């Protein structure tokens, strides 16, 4: 885990008051919070900022949440929160793939969570008929924090690649993602087929 901290008053890593430690809570497990005081390294010649590098291992696959709380020298606190996915392979893991609303009439929004946090990802969304005929392809790229949610989701108006309105009924869709790495290699991920219902 890498945490960057900055405060004009300086970071309190002494923990000389009860509850004023630099700490992290993983998956809401407040009984086993992680004390980060000893892992803080101030930036050279600058007491107002620094980093925490804390090793976390043996996490189960799937979605995890972590919250970090820090105090400054003046006893003001601040919190940071993020979610991340642990995957068993080097590929990108996709979770909670869905479209909303579903069923829909004239517009739906595709969203999902993934393990390629804070990376530019290329997204390929393909919509098929129940018989397997590809009717719509959407390609886009986003810089995502690990989840494509309602604010930055992929919208679709129910039309095919030729701009024609599709007939009402059940359709299948699949999402593929790719994140390019330095040196020309890439991480890839692919969802299973999901169902959507077009009402008119």
Protein backbone atom coordinates (compact mmCIF):
# COMPACT_ATOMS: atom_id res chain seq x y z
CA UNK A 1 0.00 0.00 0.00
CA UNK A 2 1.33 3.44 -0.95
CA UNK A 3 -0.09 6.53 0.78
CA UNK A 4 1.03 10.07 -0.04
CA UNK A 5 0.48 12.66 2.70
CA UNK A 6 0.83 16.44 2.79
CA UNK A 7 -0.08 19.05 5.38
CA UNK A 8 1.27 22.56 5.91
CA UNK A 9 1.45 21.94 9.68
CA UNK A 10 3.40 18.70 9.32
CA UNK A 11 2.28 15.08 9.72
CA UNK A 12 1.83 13.64 13.22
CA UNK A 13 3.40 10.18 13.23
CA UNK A 14 4.24 10.08 16.95
CA UNK A 15 0.74 9.12 18.03
CA UNK A 16 1.22 10.86 21.38
CA UNK A 17 -2.53 11.31 21.90
CA UNK A 18 -5.04 8.47 22.17
CA UNK A 19 -6.55 7.78 18.78
CA UNK A 20 -4.12 10.05 16.94
CA UNK A 21 -2.08 7.36 15.22
CA UNK A 22 -1.54 7.26 11.50
CA UNK A 23 -3.66 4.21 10.73
CA UNK A 24 -5.55 2.28 8.08
CA UNK A 25 -8.70 0.19 8.34
CA UNK A 26 -9.05 -2.63 5.83
CA UNK A 27 -12.52 -3.89 4.90
CA UNK A 28 -14.14 -2.03 7.84
CA UNK A 29 -12.26 -4.24 10.35
CA UNK A 30 -11.81 -1.55 13.00
CA UNK A 31 -10.70 -4.11 15.62
CA UNK A 32 -7.56 -4.86 13.60
CA UNK A 33 -6.52 -1.47 12.27
CA UNK A 34 -3.07 -1.15 10.71
CA UNK A 35 -0.67 1.24 12.49
CA UNK A 36 1.37 3.08 9.90
CA UNK A 37 3.45 5.44 12.08
CA UNK A 38 6.70 3.49 11.66
CA UNK A 39 6.22 3.21 7.90
CA UNK A 40 6.03 6.95 7.23
CA UNK A 41 9.00 8.54 5.48
CA UNK A 42 9.11 12.31 5.24
CA UNK A 43 10.27 13.91 2.04
CA UNK A 44 13.89 15.03 2.23
CA UNK A 45 14.14 18.53 3.75
CA UNK A 46 10.34 18.89 3.86
CA UNK A 47 8.44 17.98 7.04
CA UNK A 48 5.08 18.83 5.46
CA UNK A 49 4.85 15.80 3.19
CA UNK A 50 5.90 12.19 2.84
CA UNK A 51 4.84 8.65 2.00
CA UNK A 52 3.76 5.47 3.71
CA UNK A 53 4.76 2.17 2.13
CA UNK A 54 3.06 -0.70 3.94
CA UNK A 55 3.16 -4.34 2.79
CA UNK A 56 -0.22 -6.04 2.61
CA UNK A 57 -0.35 -9.73 1.78
CA UNK A 58 -2.65 -12.76 1.91
CA UNK A 59 -5.76 -10.92 0.81
CA UNK A 60 -8.63 -12.97 -0.59
CA UNK A 61 -9.58 -12.45 -4.22
CA UNK A 62 -12.28 -9.89 -4.85
CA UNK A 63 -13.19 -6.34 -3.87
CA UNK A 64 -11.54 -4.73 -0.84
CA UNK A 65 -11.89 -1.33 0.83
CA UNK A 66 -9.31 0.64 2.76
CA UNK A 67 -9.58 3.85 4.76
CA UNK A 68 -6.53 5.80 5.97
CA UNK A 69 -6.68 8.42 8.73
CA UNK A 70 -3.89 10.89 9.45
CA UNK A 71 -3.36 13.77 11.88
CA UNK A 72 -1.29 16.90 11.59
CA UNK A 73 0.79 18.50 14.34
CA UNK A 74 -2.14 20.79 15.21
CA UNK A 75 -4.36 17.72 15.87
CA UNK A 76 -6.50 18.14 12.76
CA UNK A 77 -7.45 14.85 11.11
CA UNK A 78 -8.22 13.85 7.55
CA UNK A 79 -9.27 10.59 5.90
CA UNK A 80 -8.75 9.00 2.51
CA UNK A 81 -10.69 6.06 1.09
CA UNK A 82 -10.32 3.77 -1.89
CA UNK A 83 -11.50 0.40 -3.20
CA UNK A 84 -9.43 -2.16 -5.08
CA UNK A 85 -9.73 -5.66 -6.52
CA UNK A 86 -7.36 -8.52 -5.76
CA UNK A 87 -7.01 -10.92 -8.70
CA UNK A 88 -5.26 -14.29 -8.89
CA UNK A 89 -3.62 -13.52 -12.23
CA UNK A 90 -1.85 -10.62 -13.87
CA UNK A 91 -4.92 -9.96 -16.01
CA UNK A 92 -7.52 -7.33 -15.21
CA UNK A 93 -10.35 -8.64 -13.05
CA UNK A 94 -13.86 -7.32 -13.74
CA UNK A 95 -16.54 -7.31 -11.06
CA UNK A 96 -20.13 -6.06 -10.72
CA UNK A 97 -20.69 -5.67 -14.45
CA UNK A 98 -24.16 -4.22 -15.00
CA UNK A 99 -26.23 -1.78 -16.98
CA UNK A 100 -28.78 0.62 -15.48
CA UNK A 101 -31.62 0.99 -16.00
CA UNK A 102 -32.37 -2.56 -17.07
CA UNK A 103 -34.90 -3.01 -18.66
CA UNK A 104 -34.59 0.30 -20.55
CA UNK A 105 -36.38 2.17 -23.34
CA UNK A 106 -34.09 4.78 -24.91
CA UNK A 107 -30.91 4.93 -22.82
CA UNK A 108 -28.89 2.69 -20.49
CA UNK A 109 -25.55 3.05 -18.75
CA UNK A 110 -22.91 0.31 -18.46
CA UNK A 111 -20.67 0.24 -15.40
CA UNK A 112 -18.24 -2.14 -13.70
CA UNK A 113 -15.36 -2.42 -11.23
CA UNK A 114 -11.88 -3.49 -12.26
CA UNK A 115 -8.41 -4.15 -10.84
CA UNK A 116 -6.48 -1.67 -13.05
CA UNK A 117 -6.80 1.33 -10.74
CA UNK A 118 -5.47 4.70 -11.88
CA UNK A 119 -4.53 3.46 -15.34
CA UNK A 120 -5.73 4.42 -18.78
CA UNK A 121 -7.92 1.54 -19.93
CA UNK A 122 -9.33 0.84 -23.38
CA UNK A 123 -12.87 -0.52 -23.25
CA UNK A 124 -14.66 -2.58 -25.89
CA UNK A 125 -18.39 -3.14 -25.34
CA UNK A 126 -20.19 -5.55 -27.67
CA UNK A 127 -23.95 -6.17 -27.80
CA UNK A 128 -25.36 -9.35 -29.38
CA UNK A 129 -28.76 -10.76 -30.19
CA UNK A 130 -29.79 -13.94 -28.37
CA UNK A 131 -28.83 -15.87 -31.52
CA UNK A 132 -25.27 -14.49 -31.29
CA UNK A 133 -25.31 -11.80 -34.00
CA UNK A 134 -23.17 -8.76 -33.14
CA UNK A 135 -25.32 -5.62 -33.45
CA UNK A 136 -23.43 -2.90 -31.58
CA UNK A 137 -19.78 -2.15 -30.77
CA UNK A 138 -18.71 0.73 -28.55
CA UNK A 139 -15.05 1.59 -28.02
CA UNK A 140 -13.75 4.17 -25.55
CA UNK A 141 -10.80 4.93 -23.27
CA UNK A 142 -10.94 6.23 -19.70
CA UNK A 143 -8.62 6.99 -16.82
CA UNK A 144 -10.43 5.22 -14.01
CA UNK A 145 -9.92 4.87 -10.26
CA UNK A 146 -10.95 1.22 -10.34
CA UNK A 147 -14.64 1.55 -11.04
CA UNK A 148 -16.69 2.83 -13.94
CA UNK A 149 -19.73 4.18 -12.13
CA UNK A 150 -22.75 6.30 -13.02
CA UNK A 151 -20.79 9.51 -13.48
CA UNK A 152 -18.38 8.12 -16.07
CA UNK A 153 -20.22 5.05 -17.38
CA UNK A 154 -20.71 4.04 -21.01
CA UNK A 155 -24.08 5.17 -22.36
CA UNK A 156 -26.01 3.41 -25.12
CA UNK A 157 -29.21 4.54 -26.83
CA UNK A 158 -30.41 1.12 -27.99
CA UNK A 159 -29.37 1.63 -31.62
CA UNK A 160 -27.19 -0.66 -33.72
CA UNK A 161 -23.95 0.16 -35.54
CA UNK A 162 -25.96 1.67 -38.42
CA UNK A 163 -27.95 4.02 -36.17
CA UNK A 164 -31.18 2.02 -36.42
CA UNK A 165 -33.32 1.38 -33.35
CA UNK A 166 -33.15 -2.27 -32.30
CA UNK A 167 -36.31 -4.30 -31.79
CA UNK A 168 -37.57 -4.82 -28.27
CA UNK A 169 -36.34 -7.97 -26.59
CA UNK A 170 -33.47 -9.58 -24.70
CA UNK A 171 -29.86 -8.95 -25.75
CA UNK A 172 -26.48 -10.11 -24.50
CA UNK A 173 -23.40 -7.97 -23.94
CA UNK A 174 -19.77 -8.48 -23.06
CA UNK A 175 -17.11 -6.01 -21.92
CA UNK A 176 -13.40 -6.32 -22.73
CA UNK A 177 -10.71 -4.07 -21.26
CA UNK A 178 -7.03 -3.49 -21.95
CA UNK A 179 -4.36 -1.45 -20.14
CA UNK A 180 -1.09 -0.84 -21.95
CA UNK A 181 2.09 -1.12 -19.90
CA UNK A 182 5.57 0.34 -20.47
CA UNK A 183 7.62 -1.83 -22.79
CA UNK A 184 4.73 -2.77 -25.05
CA UNK A 185 3.03 -5.37 -22.84
CA UNK A 186 -0.59 -5.10 -21.77
CA UNK A 187 -3.07 -6.28 -19.15
CA UNK A 188 -6.38 -7.60 -20.42
CA UNK A 189 -9.71 -8.53 -18.94
CA UNK A 190 -13.07 -9.81 -20.15
CA UNK A 191 -16.48 -10.16 -18.55
CA UNK A 192 -18.87 -13.04 -19.02
CA UNK A 193 -22.02 -12.42 -21.06
CA UNK A 194 -24.67 -10.34 -19.29
CA UNK A 195 -28.32 -9.82 -20.25
CA UNK A 196 -30.14 -6.59 -20.97
CA UNK A 197 -33.76 -5.96 -21.93
CA UNK A 198 -34.84 -3.33 -24.48
CA UNK A 199 -38.51 -2.43 -24.03
CA UNK A 200 -39.21 -0.53 -27.25
